[in-house]
Amino acid sequence: CVEGDTDQSYRVVAAQAADKMLSINKIEAAFALVKIDGTTYISARSKGTINVQLILEKMSGGGHYDVAGAQVVEEPVQSVLSQVKRCVDEYFAHP
């Protein structure tokens, strides 16, 4: 998570970070969060075994099976992170 910056390029960095995390051994999906000007942007990536689109649709996001994103306005980044974790847990509870 990166918080408190106003540079929109961090949205790209978050997407790149999620991509890079997939190269870690045994990681099947990755989520990167960045907060810019009061909006938390979530970038999600998957190796194709986890449908990150379904996970982020629960947060009004969207995308594709292996690439997805969402935005949450005016909420603390820790709250958004908790929401992401809850959505991931729900995904695995009801595959």
PDB file of N, CA and C in Angstrom:
ATOM      1  N   CYS A   1       0.832  -1.183   0.000  1.00  0.00           N
ATOM      2  CA  CYS A   1       0.000   0.000   0.000  1.00  0.00           C
ATOM      3  C   CYS A   1       0.875   1.244   0.000  1.00  0.00           C
ATOM      4  N   VAL A   2       0.518   2.182  -0.821  1.00  0.00           N
ATOM      5  CA  VAL A   2       1.135   3.503  -0.813  1.00  0.00           C
ATOM      6  C   VAL A   2       0.012   4.478  -0.511  1.00  0.00           C
ATOM      7  N   GLU A   3       0.257   5.426   0.381  1.00  0.00           N
ATOM      8  CA  GLU A   3      -0.811   6.341   0.776  1.00  0.00           C
ATOM      9  C   GLU A   3      -0.283   7.763   0.865  1.00  0.00           C
ATOM     10  N   GLY A   4      -1.154   8.712   0.536  1.00  0.00           N
ATOM     11  CA  GLY A   4      -0.866  10.108   0.795  1.00  0.00           C
ATOM     12  C   GLY A   4      -0.152  10.858  -0.304  1.00  0.00           C
ATOM     13  N   ASP A   5      -0.097  10.316  -1.492  1.00  0.00           N
ATOM     14  CA  ASP A   5       0.569  11.012  -2.583  1.00  0.00           C
ATOM     15  C   ASP A   5      -0.472  11.546  -3.546  1.00  0.00           C
ATOM     16  N   THR A   6      -0.063  12.480  -4.392  1.00  0.00           N
ATOM     17  CA  THR A   6      -0.976  13.036  -5.392  1.00  0.00           C
ATOM     18  C   THR A   6      -0.542  12.694  -6.812  1.00  0.00           C
ATOM     19  N   ASP A   7       0.527  11.954  -6.966  1.00  0.00           N
ATOM     20  CA  ASP A   7       1.072  11.619  -8.276  1.00  0.00           C
ATOM     21  C   ASP A   7       0.301  10.439  -8.873  1.00  0.00           C
ATOM     22  N   GLN A   8      -0.445  10.696  -9.949  1.00  0.00           N
ATOM     23  CA  GLN A   8      -1.250   9.664 -10.593  1.00  0.00           C
ATOM     24  C   GLN A   8      -0.412   8.520 -11.164  1.00  0.00           C
ATOM     25  N   SER A   9       0.880   8.735 -11.378  1.00  0.00           N
ATOM     26  CA  SER A   9       1.718   7.662 -11.920  1.00  0.00           C
ATOM     27  C   SER A   9       1.813   6.481 -10.955  1.00  0.00           C
ATOM     28  N   TYR A  10       1.497   6.706  -9.684  1.00  0.00           N
ATOM     29  CA  TYR A  10       1.512   5.598  -8.731  1.00  0.00           C
ATOM     30  C   TYR A  10       0.454   4.549  -9.055  1.00  0.00           C
ATOM     31  N   ARG A  11      -0.578   4.914  -9.797  1.00  0.00           N
ATOM     32  CA  ARG A  11      -1.566   3.923 -10.241  1.00  0.00           C
ATOM     33  C   ARG A  11      -0.895   2.899 -11.141  1.00  0.00           C
ATOM     34  N   VAL A  12      -0.020   3.369 -12.014  1.00  0.00           N
ATOM     35  CA  VAL A  12       0.726   2.471 -12.901  1.00  0.00           C
ATOM     36  C   VAL A  12       1.692   1.630 -12.082  1.00  0.00           C
ATOM     37  N   VAL A  13       2.348   2.256 -11.118  1.00  0.00           N
ATOM     38  CA  VAL A  13       3.289   1.535 -10.257  1.00  0.00           C
ATOM     39  C   VAL A  13       2.565   0.429  -9.495  1.00  0.00           C
ATOM     40  N   ALA A  14       1.354   0.689  -9.026  1.00  0.00           N
ATOM     41  CA  ALA A  14       0.582  -0.338  -8.319  1.00  0.00           C
ATOM     42  C   ALA A  14       0.296  -1.524  -9.232  1.00  0.00           C
ATOM     43  N   ALA A  15      -0.086  -1.250 -10.475  1.00  0.00           N
ATOM     44  CA  ALA A  15      -0.336  -2.329 -11.430  1.00  0.00           C
ATOM     45  C   ALA A  15       0.939  -3.123 -11.689  1.00  0.00           C
ATOM     46  N   GLN A  16       2.055  -2.432 -11.838  1.00  0.00           N
ATOM     47  CA  GLN A  16       3.331  -3.108 -12.052  1.00  0.00           C
ATOM     48  C   GLN A  16       3.728  -3.932 -10.834  1.00  0.00           C
ATOM     49  N   ALA A  17       3.450  -3.415  -9.640  1.00  0.00           N
ATOM     50  CA  ALA A  17       3.770  -4.151  -8.415  1.00  0.00           C
ATOM     51  C   ALA A  17       2.959  -5.440  -8.339  1.00  0.00           C
ATOM     52  N   ALA A  18       1.679  -5.365  -8.684  1.00  0.00           N
ATOM     53  CA  ALA A  18       0.845  -6.569  -8.676  1.00  0.00           C
ATOM     54  C   ALA A  18       1.376  -7.587  -9.675  1.00  0.00           C
ATOM     55  N   ASP A  19       1.780  -7.124 -10.861  1.00  0.00           N
ATOM     56  CA  ASP A  19       2.386  -8.020 -11.855  1.00  0.00           C
ATOM     57  C   ASP A  19       3.640  -8.675 -11.298  1.00  0.00           C
ATOM     58  N   LYS A  20       4.497  -7.889 -10.694  1.00  0.00           N
ATOM     59  CA  LYS A  20       5.776  -8.384 -10.175  1.00  0.00           C
ATOM     60  C   LYS A  20       5.567  -9.398  -9.048  1.00  0.00           C
ATOM     61  N   MET A  21       4.572  -9.154  -8.194  1.00  0.00           N
ATOM     62  CA  MET A  21       4.313 -10.086  -7.088  1.00  0.00           C
ATOM     63  C   MET A  21       3.968 -11.483  -7.582  1.00  0.00           C
ATOM     64  N   LEU A  22       3.422 -11.583  -8.789  1.00  0.00           N
ATOM     65  CA  LEU A  22       3.086 -12.902  -9.335  1.00  0.00           C
ATOM     66  C   LEU A  22       4.316 -13.755  -9.602  1.00  0.00           C
ATOM     67  N   SER A  23       5.490 -13.136  -9.672  1.00  0.00           N
ATOM     68  CA  SER A  23       6.718 -13.907  -9.908  1.00  0.00           C
ATOM     69  C   SER A  23       7.235 -14.565  -8.627  1.00  0.00           C
ATOM     70  N   ILE A  24       6.646 -14.236  -7.487  1.00  0.00           N
ATOM     71  CA  ILE A  24       7.045 -14.849  -6.220  1.00  0.00           C
ATOM     72  C   ILE A  24       6.510 -16.277  -6.174  1.00  0.00           C
ATOM     73  N   ASN A  25       7.349 -17.187  -5.744  1.00  0.00           N
ATOM     74  CA  ASN A  25       6.999 -18.605  -5.676  1.00  0.00           C
ATOM     75  C   ASN A  25       5.718 -18.826  -4.867  1.00  0.00           C
ATOM     76  N   LYS A  26       4.809 -19.597  -5.422  1.00  0.00           N
ATOM     77  CA  LYS A  26       3.548 -20.000  -4.801  1.00  0.00           C
ATOM     78  C   LYS A  26       2.510 -18.881  -4.686  1.00  0.00           C
ATOM     79  N   ILE A  27       2.739 -17.738  -5.300  1.00  0.00           N
ATOM     80  CA  ILE A  27       1.743 -16.664  -5.332  1.00  0.00           C
ATOM     81  C   ILE A  27       0.878 -16.870  -6.571  1.00  0.00           C
ATOM     82  N   GLU A  28      -0.421 -16.995  -6.380  1.00  0.00           N
ATOM     83  CA  GLU A  28      -1.349 -17.217  -7.490  1.00  0.00           C
ATOM     84  C   GLU A  28      -2.126 -15.956  -7.862  1.00  0.00           C
ATOM     85  N   ALA A  29      -2.208 -15.003  -6.930  1.00  0.00           N
ATOM     86  CA  ALA A  29      -2.890 -13.734  -7.201  1.00  0.00           C
ATOM     87  C   ALA A  29      -2.270 -12.658  -6.324  1.00  0.00           C
ATOM     88  N   ALA A  30      -2.332 -11.418  -6.812  1.00  0.00           N
ATOM     89  CA  ALA A  30      -1.740 -10.302  -6.073  1.00  0.00           C
ATOM     90  C   ALA A  30      -2.646  -9.085  -6.172  1.00  0.00           C
ATOM     91  N   PHE A  31      -2.675  -8.321  -5.093  1.00  0.00           N
ATOM     92  CA  PHE A  31      -3.456  -7.093  -5.020  1.00  0.00           C
ATOM     93  C   PHE A  31      -2.538  -5.983  -4.546  1.00  0.00           C
ATOM     94  N   ALA A  32      -2.545  -4.862  -5.246  1.00  0.00           N
ATOM     95  CA  ALA A  32      -1.749  -3.700  -4.843  1.00  0.00           C
ATOM     96  C   ALA A  32      -2.696  -2.518  -4.690  1.00  0.00           C
ATOM     97  N   LEU A  33      -2.518  -1.766  -3.604  1.00  0.00           N
ATOM     98  CA  LEU A  33      -3.374  -0.616  -3.317  1.00  0.00           C
ATOM     99  C   LEU A  33      -2.531   0.641  -3.257  1.00  0.00           C
ATOM    100  N   VAL A  34      -3.073   1.721  -3.808  1.00  0.00           N
ATOM    101  CA  VAL A  34      -2.424   3.027  -3.712  1.00  0.00           C
ATOM    102  C   VAL A  34      -3.515   4.071  -3.487  1.00  0.00           C
ATOM    103  N   LYS A  35      -3.275   4.982  -2.545  1.00  0.00           N
ATOM    104  CA  LYS A  35      -4.251   6.039  -2.273  1.00  0.00           C
ATOM    105  C   LYS A  35      -3.718   7.353  -2.806  1.00  0.00           C
ATOM    106  N   ILE A  36      -4.504   7.965  -3.695  1.00  0.00           N
ATOM    107  CA  ILE A  36      -4.126   9.229  -4.325  1.00  0.00           C
ATOM    108  C   ILE A  36      -5.308  10.183  -4.210  1.00  0.00           C
ATOM    109  N   ASP A  37      -5.074  11.342  -3.623  1.00  0.00           N
ATOM    110  CA  ASP A  37      -6.115  12.380  -3.527  1.00  0.00           C
ATOM    111  C   ASP A  37      -7.445  11.854  -2.996  1.00  0.00           C
ATOM    112  N   GLY A  38      -7.416  11.027  -1.964  1.00  0.00           N
ATOM    113  CA  GLY A  38      -8.643  10.552  -1.343  1.00  0.00           C
ATOM    114  C   GLY A  38      -9.271   9.335  -1.974  1.00  0.00           C
ATOM    115  N   THR A  39      -8.704   8.831  -3.067  1.00  0.00           N
ATOM    116  CA  THR A  39      -9.227   7.637  -3.723  1.00  0.00           C
ATOM    117  C   THR A  39      -8.203   6.521  -3.621  1.00  0.00           C
ATOM    118  N   THR A  40      -8.651   5.340  -3.174  1.00  0.00           N
ATOM    119  CA  THR A  40      -7.781   4.168  -3.134  1.00  0.00           C
ATOM    120  C   THR A  40      -8.017   3.361  -4.400  1.00  0.00           C
ATOM    121  N   TYR A  41      -6.955   3.143  -5.146  1.00  0.00           N
ATOM    122  CA  TYR A  41      -6.995   2.362  -6.382  1.00  0.00           C
ATOM    123  C   TYR A  41      -6.453   0.973  -6.076  1.00  0.00           C
ATOM    124  N   ILE A  42      -7.154  -0.048  -6.561  1.00  0.00           N
ATOM    125  CA  ILE A  42      -6.756  -1.433  -6.344  1.00  0.00           C
ATOM    126  C   ILE A  42      -6.456  -2.051  -7.697  1.00  0.00           C
ATOM    127  N   SER A  43      -5.268  -2.637  -7.820  1.00  0.00           N
ATOM    128  CA  SER A  43      -4.898  -3.382  -9.019  1.00  0.00           C
ATOM    129  C   SER A  43      -4.733  -4.838  -8.619  1.00  0.00           C
ATOM    130  N   ALA A  44      -5.387  -5.714  -9.350  1.00  0.00           N
ATOM    131  CA  ALA A  44      -5.316  -7.143  -9.044  1.00  0.00           C
ATOM    132  C   ALA A  44      -4.830  -7.907 -10.264  1.00  0.00           C
ATOM    133  N   ARG A  45      -4.006  -8.900 -10.009  1.00  0.00           N
ATOM    134  CA  ARG A  45      -3.488  -9.767 -11.065  1.00  0.00           C
ATOM    135  C   ARG A  45      -3.572 -11.212 -10.597  1.00  0.00           C
ATOM    136  N   SER A  46      -3.736 -12.128 -11.547  1.00  0.00           N
ATOM    137  CA  SER A  46      -3.810 -13.546 -11.233  1.00  0.00           C
ATOM    138  C   SER A  46      -3.066 -14.334 -12.297  1.00  0.00           C
ATOM    139  N   LYS A  47      -2.568 -15.494 -11.911  1.00  0.00           N
ATOM    140  CA  LYS A  47      -1.929 -16.391 -12.874  1.00  0.00           C
ATOM    141  C   LYS A  47      -2.962 -17.203 -13.647  1.00  0.00           C
ATOM    142  N   GLY A  48      -4.244 -16.946 -13.402  1.00  0.00           N
ATOM    143  CA  GLY A  48      -5.302 -17.645 -14.120  1.00  0.00           C
ATOM    144  C   GLY A  48      -6.011 -18.699 -13.290  1.00  0.00           C
ATOM    145  N   THR A  49      -5.584 -18.889 -12.056  1.00  0.00           N
ATOM    146  CA  THR A  49      -6.232 -19.870 -11.194  1.00  0.00           C
ATOM    147  C   THR A  49      -7.250 -19.229 -10.255  1.00  0.00           C
ATOM    148  N   ILE A  50      -7.191 -17.919 -10.108  1.00  0.00           N
ATOM    149  CA  ILE A  50      -8.097 -17.170  -9.237  1.00  0.00           C
ATOM    150  C   ILE A  50      -8.740 -16.061 -10.069  1.00  0.00           C
ATOM    151  N   ASN A  51     -10.054 -15.957  -9.999  1.00  0.00           N
ATOM    152  CA  ASN A  51     -10.781 -14.957 -10.779  1.00  0.00           C
ATOM    153  C   ASN A  51     -10.818 -13.633 -10.008  1.00  0.00           C
ATOM    154  N   VAL A  52      -9.832 -12.780 -10.263  1.00  0.00           N
ATOM    155  CA  VAL A  52      -9.766 -11.503  -9.546  1.00  0.00           C
ATOM    156  C   VAL A  52     -10.898 -10.561  -9.957  1.00  0.00           C
ATOM    157  N   GLN A  53     -11.459 -10.760 -11.133  1.00  0.00           N
ATOM    158  CA  GLN A  53     -12.607  -9.948 -11.543  1.00  0.00           C
ATOM    159  C   GLN A  53     -13.774 -10.168 -10.591  1.00  0.00           C
ATOM    160  N   LEU A  54     -14.092 -11.423 -10.287  1.00  0.00           N
ATOM    161  CA  LEU A  54     -15.195 -11.712  -9.367  1.00  0.00           C
ATOM    162  C   LEU A  54     -14.942 -11.118  -7.989  1.00  0.00           C
ATOM    163  N   ILE A  55     -13.697 -11.165  -7.546  1.00  0.00           N
ATOM    164  CA  ILE A  55     -13.358 -10.623  -6.232  1.00  0.00           C
ATOM    165  C   ILE A  55     -13.603  -9.119  -6.198  1.00  0.00           C
ATOM    166  N   LEU A  56     -13.107  -8.405  -7.200  1.00  0.00           N
ATOM    167  CA  LEU A  56     -13.230  -6.947  -7.180  1.00  0.00           C
ATOM    168  C   LEU A  56     -14.599  -6.444  -7.614  1.00  0.00           C
ATOM    169  N   GLU A  57     -15.394  -7.281  -8.273  1.00  0.00           N
ATOM    170  CA  GLU A  57     -16.773  -6.880  -8.570  1.00  0.00           C
ATOM    171  C   GLU A  57     -17.545  -6.638  -7.280  1.00  0.00           C
ATOM    172  N   LYS A  58     -17.184  -7.323  -6.205  1.00  0.00           N
ATOM    173  CA  LYS A  58     -17.838  -7.120  -4.907  1.00  0.00           C
ATOM    174  C   LYS A  58     -17.528  -5.741  -4.336  1.00  0.00           C
ATOM    175  N   MET A  59     -16.531  -5.064  -4.920  1.00  0.00           N
ATOM    176  CA  MET A  59     -16.163  -3.711  -4.498  1.00  0.00           C
ATOM    177  C   MET A  59     -16.461  -2.713  -5.611  1.00  0.00           C
ATOM    178  N   SER A  60     -17.407  -3.062  -6.480  1.00  0.00           N
ATOM    179  CA  SER A  60     -17.816  -2.233  -7.621  1.00  0.00           C
ATOM    180  C   SER A  60     -16.703  -2.048  -8.639  1.00  0.00           C
ATOM    181  N   GLY A  61     -15.785  -2.994  -8.672  1.00  0.00           N
ATOM    182  CA  GLY A  61     -14.709  -2.968  -9.657  1.00  0.00           C
ATOM    183  C   GLY A  61     -15.044  -3.873 -10.823  1.00  0.00           C
ATOM    184  N   GLY A  62     -14.051  -4.152 -11.623  1.00  0.00           N
ATOM    185  CA  GLY A  62     -14.260  -5.016 -12.769  1.00  0.00           C
ATOM    186  C   GLY A  62     -12.964  -5.297 -13.483  1.00  0.00           C
ATOM    187  N   GLY A  63     -13.090  -5.904 -14.643  1.00  0.00           N
ATOM    188  CA  GLY A  63     -11.905  -6.232 -15.419  1.00  0.00           C
ATOM    189  C   GLY A  63     -12.068  -7.560 -16.110  1.00  0.00           C
ATOM    190  N   HIS A  64     -11.048  -8.380 -15.986  1.00  0.00           N
ATOM    191  CA  HIS A  64     -11.016  -9.694 -16.617  1.00  0.00           C
ATOM    192  C   HIS A  64     -10.635 -10.729 -15.570  1.00  0.00           C
ATOM    193  N   TYR A  65     -10.718 -11.999 -15.960  1.00  0.00           N
ATOM    194  CA  TYR A  65     -10.426 -13.096 -15.033  1.00  0.00           C
ATOM    195  C   TYR A  65      -9.088 -12.901 -14.329  1.00  0.00           C
ATOM    196  N   ASP A  66      -8.056 -12.512 -15.087  1.00  0.00           N
ATOM    197  CA  ASP A  66      -6.710 -12.438 -14.506  1.00  0.00           C
ATOM    198  C   ASP A  66      -6.175 -11.018 -14.316  1.00  0.00           C
ATOM    199  N   VAL A  67      -6.947 -10.002 -14.698  1.00  0.00           N
ATOM    200  CA  VAL A  67      -6.544  -8.598 -14.523  1.00  0.00           C
ATOM    201  C   VAL A  67      -7.797  -7.801 -14.155  1.00  0.00           C
ATOM    202  N   ALA A  68      -7.769  -7.146 -12.989  1.00  0.00           N
ATOM    203  CA  ALA A  68      -8.951  -6.391 -12.568  1.00  0.00           C
ATOM    204  C   ALA A  68      -8.537  -5.194 -11.725  1.00  0.00           C
ATOM    205  N   GLY A  69      -9.494  -4.302 -11.524  1.00  0.00           N
ATOM    206  CA  GLY A  69      -9.221  -3.121 -10.712  1.00  0.00           C
ATOM    207  C   GLY A  69     -10.489  -2.588 -10.081  1.00  0.00           C
ATOM    208  N   ALA A  70     -10.295  -1.731  -9.089  1.00  0.00           N
ATOM    209  CA  ALA A  70     -11.418  -1.082  -8.413  1.00  0.00           C
ATOM    210  C   ALA A  70     -10.928   0.232  -7.817  1.00  0.00           C
ATOM    211  N   GLN A  71     -11.883   1.093  -7.489  1.00  0.00           N
ATOM    212  CA  GLN A  71     -11.585   2.373  -6.842  1.00  0.00           C
ATOM    213  C   GLN A  71     -12.545   2.550  -5.673  1.00  0.00           C
ATOM    214  N   VAL A  72     -12.011   3.029  -4.562  1.00  0.00           N
ATOM    215  CA  VAL A  72     -12.832   3.318  -3.387  1.00  0.00           C
ATOM    216  C   VAL A  72     -12.519   4.747  -2.964  1.00  0.00           C
ATOM    217  N   VAL A  73     -13.563   5.565  -2.865  1.00  0.00           N
ATOM    218  CA  VAL A  73     -13.390   6.990  -2.584  1.00  0.00           C
ATOM    219  C   VAL A  73     -13.612   7.284  -1.099  1.00  0.00           C
ATOM    220  N   GLU A  74     -12.731   8.128  -0.562  1.00  0.00           N
ATOM    221  CA  GLU A  74     -12.877   8.698   0.782  1.00  0.00           C
ATOM    222  C   GLU A  74     -13.058   7.670   1.892  1.00  0.00           C
ATOM    223  N   GLU A  75     -12.286   6.591   1.843  1.00  0.00           N
ATOM    224  CA  GLU A  75     -12.241   5.632   2.945  1.00  0.00           C
ATOM    225  C   GLU A  75     -10.788   5.435   3.322  1.00  0.00           C
ATOM    226  N   PRO A  76     -10.507   5.200   4.599  1.00  0.00           N
ATOM    227  CA  PRO A  76      -9.121   4.941   4.996  1.00  0.00           C
ATOM    228  C   PRO A  76      -8.575   3.712   4.273  1.00  0.00           C
ATOM    229  N   VAL A  77      -7.323   3.771   3.888  1.00  0.00           N
ATOM    230  CA  VAL A  77      -6.725   2.683   3.121  1.00  0.00           C
ATOM    231  C   VAL A  77      -6.767   1.369   3.903  1.00  0.00           C
ATOM    232  N   GLN A  78      -6.629   1.421   5.216  1.00  0.00           N
ATOM    233  CA  GLN A  78      -6.708   0.186   6.006  1.00  0.00           C
ATOM    234  C   GLN A  78      -8.100  -0.429   5.927  1.00  0.00           C
ATOM    235  N   SER A  79      -9.122   0.399   5.856  1.00  0.00           N
ATOM    236  CA  SER A  79     -10.485  -0.091   5.690  1.00  0.00           C
ATOM    237  C   SER A  79     -10.653  -0.764   4.329  1.00  0.00           C
ATOM    238  N   VAL A  80     -10.084  -0.159   3.302  1.00  0.00           N
ATOM    239  CA  VAL A  80     -10.152  -0.740   1.954  1.00  0.00           C
ATOM    240  C   VAL A  80      -9.407  -2.069   1.928  1.00  0.00           C
ATOM    241  N   LEU A  81      -8.245  -2.120   2.553  1.00  0.00           N
ATOM    242  CA  LEU A  81      -7.479  -3.363   2.621  1.00  0.00           C
ATOM    243  C   LEU A  81      -8.292  -4.451   3.317  1.00  0.00           C
ATOM    244  N   SER A  82      -8.982  -4.109   4.384  1.00  0.00           N
ATOM    245  CA  SER A  82      -9.840  -5.075   5.085  1.00  0.00           C
ATOM    246  C   SER A  82     -10.964  -5.564   4.182  1.00  0.00           C
ATOM    247  N   GLN A  83     -11.525  -4.663   3.375  1.00  0.00           N
ATOM    248  CA  GLN A  83     -12.583  -5.054   2.436  1.00  0.00           C
ATOM    249  C   GLN A  83     -12.049  -6.031   1.400  1.00  0.00           C
ATOM    250  N   VAL A  84     -10.845  -5.768   0.888  1.00  0.00           N
ATOM    251  CA  VAL A  84     -10.236  -6.673  -0.095  1.00  0.00           C
ATOM    252  C   VAL A  84     -10.050  -8.049   0.534  1.00  0.00           C
ATOM    253  N   LYS A  85      -9.513  -8.087   1.740  1.00  0.00           N
ATOM    254  CA  LYS A  85      -9.304  -9.371   2.426  1.00  0.00           C
ATOM    255  C   LYS A  85     -10.624 -10.111   2.611  1.00  0.00           C
ATOM    256  N   ARG A  86     -11.682  -9.386   3.001  1.00  0.00           N
ATOM    257  CA  ARG A  86     -12.985 -10.010   3.187  1.00  0.00           C
ATOM    258  C   ARG A  86     -13.504 -10.591   1.865  1.00  0.00           C
ATOM    259  N   CYS A  87     -13.341  -9.853   0.778  1.00  0.00           N
ATOM    260  CA  CYS A  87     -13.800 -10.324  -0.535  1.00  0.00           C
ATOM    261  C   CYS A  87     -13.021 -11.556  -0.985  1.00  0.00           C
ATOM    262  N   VAL A  88     -11.731 -11.590  -0.702  1.00  0.00           N
ATOM    263  CA  VAL A  88     -10.917 -12.768  -1.031  1.00  0.00           C
ATOM    264  C   VAL A  88     -11.397 -13.962  -0.207  1.00  0.00           C
ATOM    265  N   ASP A  89     -11.612 -13.752   1.085  1.00  0.00           N
ATOM    266  CA  ASP A  89     -12.105 -14.834   1.946  1.00  0.00           C
ATOM    267  C   ASP A  89     -13.446 -15.360   1.452  1.00  0.00           C
ATOM    268  N   GLU A  90     -14.351 -14.467   1.056  1.00  0.00           N
ATOM    269  CA  GLU A  90     -15.660 -14.877   0.539  1.00  0.00           C
ATOM    270  C   GLU A  90     -15.508 -15.665  -0.757  1.00  0.00           C
ATOM    271  N   TYR A  91     -14.579 -15.255  -1.602  1.00  0.00           N
ATOM    272  CA  TYR A  91     -14.335 -15.959  -2.869  1.00  0.00           C
ATOM    273  C   TYR A  91     -13.945 -17.409  -2.601  1.00  0.00           C
ATOM    274  N   PHE A  92     -13.044 -17.616  -1.643  1.00  0.00           N
ATOM    275  CA  PHE A  92     -12.586 -18.973  -1.353  1.00  0.00           C
ATOM    276  C   PHE A  92     -13.610 -19.772  -0.554  1.00  0.00           C
ATOM    277  N   ALA A  93     -14.491 -19.093   0.166  1.00  0.00           N
ATOM    278  CA  ALA A  93     -15.538 -19.790   0.908  1.00  0.00           C
ATOM    279  C   ALA A  93     -16.626 -20.313  -0.030  1.00  0.00           C
ATOM    280  N   HIS A  94     -16.799 -19.634  -1.176  1.00  0.00           N
ATOM    281  CA  HIS A  94     -17.829 -20.010  -2.155  1.00  0.00           C
ATOM    282  C   HIS A  94     -17.244 -19.988  -3.561  1.00  0.00           C
ATOM    283  N   PRO A  95     -16.337 -20.924  -3.864  1.00  0.00           N
ATOM    284  CA  PRO A  95     -15.684 -20.902  -5.197  1.00  0.00           C
ATOM    285  C   PRO A  95     -16.641 -21.186  -6.340  1.00  0.00           C
TER     286      PRO A  95
END
